[in-house]
Amino acid sequence: MPIIVKKNKGESKDDIIGKFRRLCLEEDITEEVRKRTSYVKPSEKRYALKKIIVWRDKCRRKAKSSRRHDAR
């Protein structure tokens, strides 16, 4: 879907560029372009996925242990 930024009355060019940048950041467009332009080896993908899984597990354990202390 294209990003369209319309100029409102009293807005400068810098304001419009700022709106466009914010919309691009919200939609993660720059990250998607970066992913599509460069090749990532399958082993690097697996490593990154494993790293994310370990991080989530660590966060879940930390949250679980904090819940136990609150209950006492």
Protein backbone atom coordinates (compact mmCIF):
# COMPACT_ATOMS: atom_id res chain seq x y z
CA MET A 1 0.00 0.00 0.00
CA PRO A 2 1.48 3.38 -0.95
CA ILE A 3 2.19 6.01 1.66
CA ILE A 4 0.49 9.30 0.86
CA VAL A 5 1.21 12.43 2.87
CA LYS A 6 -0.99 15.42 2.14
CA LYS A 7 -0.01 18.96 2.94
CA ASN A 8 -2.28 20.75 5.38
CA LYS A 9 -2.59 24.50 5.55
CA GLY A 10 0.38 26.11 7.29
CA GLU A 11 2.73 23.11 7.09
CA SER A 12 6.26 23.48 5.83
CA LYS A 13 8.20 21.03 3.69
CA ASP A 14 10.10 19.88 6.77
CA ASP A 15 6.83 19.01 8.54
CA ILE A 16 5.71 16.92 5.58
CA ILE A 17 9.05 15.11 5.41
CA GLY A 18 8.79 14.42 9.15
CA LYS A 19 5.32 12.94 8.71
CA PHE A 20 6.61 10.72 5.90
CA ARG A 21 9.55 9.53 7.99
CA ARG A 22 7.27 8.68 10.93
CA LEU A 23 4.92 6.72 8.70
CA CYS A 24 7.86 4.80 7.21
CA LEU A 25 9.13 3.96 10.70
CA GLU A 26 5.68 2.81 11.83
CA GLU A 27 5.30 0.54 8.82
CA ASP A 28 8.90 -0.82 9.10
CA ILE A 29 9.51 -0.05 5.44
CA THR A 30 13.23 0.62 5.81
CA GLU A 31 13.72 -2.69 7.62
CA GLU A 32 11.82 -4.56 4.91
CA VAL A 33 13.91 -2.92 2.17
CA ARG A 34 17.09 -3.83 4.00
CA LYS A 35 15.95 -7.45 4.28
CA ARG A 36 15.03 -7.70 0.61
CA THR A 37 18.18 -6.05 -0.79
CA SER A 38 20.72 -8.21 0.98
CA TYR A 39 21.11 -11.97 1.03
CA VAL A 40 21.12 -13.65 4.42
CA LYS A 41 22.54 -17.13 4.66
CA PRO A 42 20.17 -19.77 6.00
CA SER A 43 22.51 -20.48 8.91
CA GLU A 44 22.40 -16.80 9.90
CA LYS A 45 18.59 -16.89 9.80
CA ARG A 46 18.54 -19.94 12.06
CA TYR A 47 21.00 -18.31 14.45
CA ALA A 48 18.89 -15.14 14.67
CA LEU A 49 15.71 -17.13 15.23
CA LYS A 50 17.36 -19.18 17.96
CA LYS A 51 18.59 -16.00 19.63
CA ILE A 52 15.05 -14.59 19.67
CA ILE A 53 13.64 -17.81 21.13
CA VAL A 54 16.24 -17.82 23.91
CA TRP A 55 15.51 -14.16 24.69
CA ARG A 56 11.74 -14.77 24.89
CA ASP A 57 12.26 -17.77 27.14
CA LYS A 58 14.47 -15.71 29.43
CA CYS A 59 11.82 -12.98 29.64
CA ARG A 60 9.08 -15.51 30.37
CA ARG A 61 11.11 -17.09 33.17
CA LYS A 62 11.83 -13.70 34.67
CA ALA A 63 8.14 -12.74 34.56
CA LYS A 64 7.10 -16.08 36.03
CA SER A 65 9.52 -15.78 38.92
CA SER A 66 8.41 -12.22 39.69
CA ARG A 67 4.78 -13.39 39.84
CA ARG A 68 5.68 -15.98 42.47
CA HIS A 69 7.18 -13.35 44.78
CA ASP A 70 4.15 -11.09 44.43
CA ALA A 71 1.78 -13.85 45.53
CA ARG A 72 3.46 -14.35 48.90
